Amino acid sequence: MSVARITTVTFNSQEAAEVASASYVENSPSDFPEAQQLLGVKAEGNKLVAVTLYADQEAMERASASRKKVLDANKDVLSVDTMVGSVEINHTQ
């Protein structure tokens, strides 16, 4: 069963969130090659939400090193909240 990692990142400014969003769009496909699906949401002001789907828990764990590297490299990050769960529906049109 697929698993999802949902990450909400709060930055120290809206501008920092915009820079990080552009970087995520450009780099996430190569940073997370095992991801089945990547979804980035620019939320209110200084927050970004990333939803990443993986084939299984093991694939998600293999991506953890890249995730840590990306997050640690951005000094404008104030906080990171993460949830992991099983994918119950993945509907697209």
Protein backbone atom coordinates (compact mmCIF):
# COMPACT_ATOMS: atom_id res chain seq x y z
CA MET A 1 0.00 0.00 0.00
CA SER A 2 1.25 3.51 -0.81
CA VAL A 3 2.26 5.84 1.97
CA ALA A 4 2.12 9.62 2.11
CA ARG A 5 4.38 12.02 3.94
CA ILE A 6 2.75 15.41 4.51
CA THR A 7 5.17 18.12 5.56
CA THR A 8 4.25 21.66 6.58
CA VAL A 9 7.20 24.03 6.66
CA THR A 10 6.96 27.49 8.23
CA PHE A 11 9.55 30.03 7.09
CA ASN A 12 10.69 33.27 8.70
CA SER A 13 9.09 35.33 5.91
CA GLN A 14 6.75 35.11 2.96
CA GLU A 15 9.67 35.89 0.66
CA ALA A 16 11.66 32.94 2.03
CA ALA A 17 8.64 30.68 1.43
CA GLU A 18 8.41 31.89 -2.17
CA VAL A 19 12.10 31.15 -2.79
CA ALA A 20 11.75 27.70 -1.22
CA SER A 21 8.63 27.00 -3.29
CA ALA A 22 10.45 27.81 -6.53
CA SER A 23 13.34 25.58 -5.47
CA TYR A 24 10.94 22.73 -4.62
CA VAL A 25 9.31 22.97 -8.05
CA GLU A 26 12.66 22.87 -9.80
CA ASN A 27 14.52 20.31 -7.69
CA SER A 28 12.07 17.90 -6.03
CA PRO A 29 11.73 15.49 -8.98
CA SER A 30 15.49 14.83 -8.90
CA ASP A 31 15.77 15.09 -5.09
CA PHE A 32 13.05 12.45 -4.60
CA PRO A 33 13.29 10.04 -7.54
CA GLU A 34 11.30 7.28 -5.80
CA ALA A 35 8.31 9.53 -5.20
CA GLN A 36 5.24 8.36 -7.07
CA GLN A 37 3.65 11.78 -6.75
CA LEU A 38 4.81 15.19 -5.55
CA LEU A 39 2.39 17.95 -4.60
CA GLY A 40 3.50 21.34 -3.34
CA VAL A 41 1.04 23.84 -1.91
CA LYS A 42 1.93 27.44 -1.15
CA ALA A 43 -0.28 28.03 1.84
CA GLU A 44 -0.97 31.12 3.91
CA GLY A 45 1.86 33.65 3.95
CA ASN A 46 5.03 31.93 5.04
CA LYS A 47 3.95 28.27 4.90
CA LEU A 48 4.49 25.52 2.36
CA VAL A 49 2.86 22.08 2.41
CA ALA A 50 4.41 19.15 0.56
CA VAL A 51 2.56 15.90 0.01
CA THR A 52 4.71 13.08 -1.30
CA LEU A 53 3.44 9.60 -2.16
CA TYR A 54 5.71 6.56 -2.09
CA ALA A 55 5.11 2.94 -3.07
CA ASP A 56 5.82 1.76 0.46
CA GLN A 57 7.40 2.65 3.80
CA GLU A 58 10.84 1.51 2.68
CA ALA A 59 10.84 3.86 -0.32
CA MET A 60 9.82 6.74 1.92
CA GLU A 61 12.61 5.92 4.39
CA ARG A 62 15.19 5.88 1.58
CA ALA A 63 14.10 9.43 0.70
CA SER A 64 14.61 10.65 4.26
CA ALA A 65 18.29 11.52 3.74
CA SER A 66 17.45 13.77 0.79
CA ARG A 67 14.61 15.35 2.76
CA LYS A 68 16.92 16.11 5.69
CA LYS A 69 19.53 17.59 3.36
CA VAL A 70 16.98 19.89 1.70
CA LEU A 71 15.49 21.05 5.01
CA ASP A 72 18.84 21.51 6.75
CA ALA A 73 20.19 23.61 3.88
CA ASN A 74 17.48 26.26 4.30
CA LYS A 75 18.33 28.56 7.22
CA ASP A 76 14.98 30.37 6.86
CA VAL A 77 12.99 27.39 8.21
CA LEU A 78 11.28 28.15 11.52
CA SER A 79 9.47 24.84 11.99
CA VAL A 80 8.66 21.55 10.29
CA ASP A 81 5.57 19.48 11.07
CA THR A 82 5.24 16.03 9.51
CA MET A 83 2.53 13.41 9.29
CA VAL A 84 2.80 9.98 7.66
CA GLY A 85 -0.08 7.74 6.73
CA SER A 86 -1.45 5.20 4.30
CA VAL A 87 -2.99 6.46 1.08
CA GLU A 88 -6.69 5.64 1.10
CA ILE A 89 -7.60 7.39 -2.18
CA ASN A 90 -5.57 8.96 -4.96
CA HIS A 91 -8.15 10.21 -7.44
CA THR A 92 -7.10 12.21 -10.50
CA GLN A 93 -9.07 13.31 -13.54
